[in-house]
Protein backbone atom coordinates (compact mmCIF):
# COMPACT_ATOMS: atom_id res chain seq x y z
CA MET A 1 -41.81 8.51 18.61
CA PHE A 2 -39.75 10.44 21.14
CA THR A 3 -38.26 13.64 19.76
CA LEU A 4 -35.32 14.87 21.79
CA PRO A 5 -35.78 18.37 23.24
CA PHE A 6 -32.40 19.51 21.91
CA LYS A 7 -30.46 19.46 18.64
CA SER A 8 -28.90 16.06 18.03
CA ILE A 9 -26.92 14.10 15.46
CA VAL A 10 -26.73 10.39 14.71
CA VAL A 11 -23.47 9.46 12.96
CA ALA A 12 -23.81 6.08 11.26
CA SER A 13 -21.78 3.70 9.17
CA THR A 14 -23.37 1.62 6.44
CA ASN A 15 -21.62 -1.55 7.62
CA ASP A 16 -21.67 -1.26 11.42
CA TYR A 17 -21.93 -4.79 12.82
CA TYR A 18 -23.76 -3.58 15.97
CA VAL A 19 -26.32 -1.20 14.42
CA THR A 20 -27.57 -1.47 10.85
CA TYR A 21 -27.83 1.71 8.85
CA GLU A 22 -31.57 1.19 8.67
CA ARG A 23 -31.78 1.04 12.47
CA ALA A 24 -29.60 4.15 12.83
CA THR A 25 -31.94 5.91 10.40
CA LEU A 26 -34.89 4.90 12.58
CA PHE A 27 -33.11 6.31 15.65
CA ALA A 28 -32.46 9.63 13.88
CA GLU A 29 -36.04 9.91 12.62
CA SER A 30 -37.51 8.98 16.00
CA TRP A 31 -35.32 11.41 17.91
CA GLY A 32 -35.62 14.27 15.39
CA ALA A 33 -31.85 14.09 14.89
CA ASP A 34 -29.77 14.88 11.83
CA LEU A 35 -28.35 11.72 10.26
CA VAL A 36 -24.76 11.69 9.01
CA ASN A 37 -23.71 8.76 6.82
CA ILE A 38 -19.95 8.18 7.00
CA GLY A 39 -19.99 5.27 4.55
CA ASP A 40 -18.40 1.87 5.12
CA ALA A 41 -16.56 2.65 8.35
CA GLY A 42 -17.55 -0.35 10.47
CA HIS A 43 -18.41 0.25 14.10
CA ILE A 44 -17.40 3.76 15.10
CA ASN A 45 -15.00 3.27 18.01
CA VAL A 46 -11.29 3.15 18.84
CA ALA A 47 -11.05 -0.60 18.20
CA SER A 48 -12.14 0.04 14.60
CA GLY A 49 -9.26 2.44 14.10
CA PHE A 50 -10.96 5.67 15.10
CA GLY A 51 -8.51 7.58 17.23
CA GLU A 52 -8.31 11.33 16.97
CA TRP A 53 -11.12 11.95 14.49
CA ASN A 54 -11.10 15.43 13.03
CA GLU A 55 -14.15 14.74 10.84
CA GLY A 56 -16.08 13.75 13.96
CA LEU A 57 -15.08 16.98 15.66
CA GLU A 58 -16.34 18.93 12.65
CA ILE A 59 -19.67 17.07 12.80
CA LEU A 60 -19.90 17.87 16.52
CA LYS A 61 -19.57 21.58 15.72
CA TRP A 62 -22.90 21.37 13.83
CA LEU A 63 -24.63 21.25 17.20
CA ASP A 64 -23.43 24.79 17.88
CA SER A 65 -24.78 26.18 14.60
């Protein structure tokens, strides 16, 4: 296990075709990161329809709290 030396967040989709939710959970646990489940959103990138993503910006603000 390698805990990151800073606050971190893993944002994961339950149906990402590159990273399973179980694998994303393992990343978060291993890194000591908070895990945010955004449901069935596919792979989180522009090609999947994520452009300006206000919810993502709100999640990012958690790092400052």
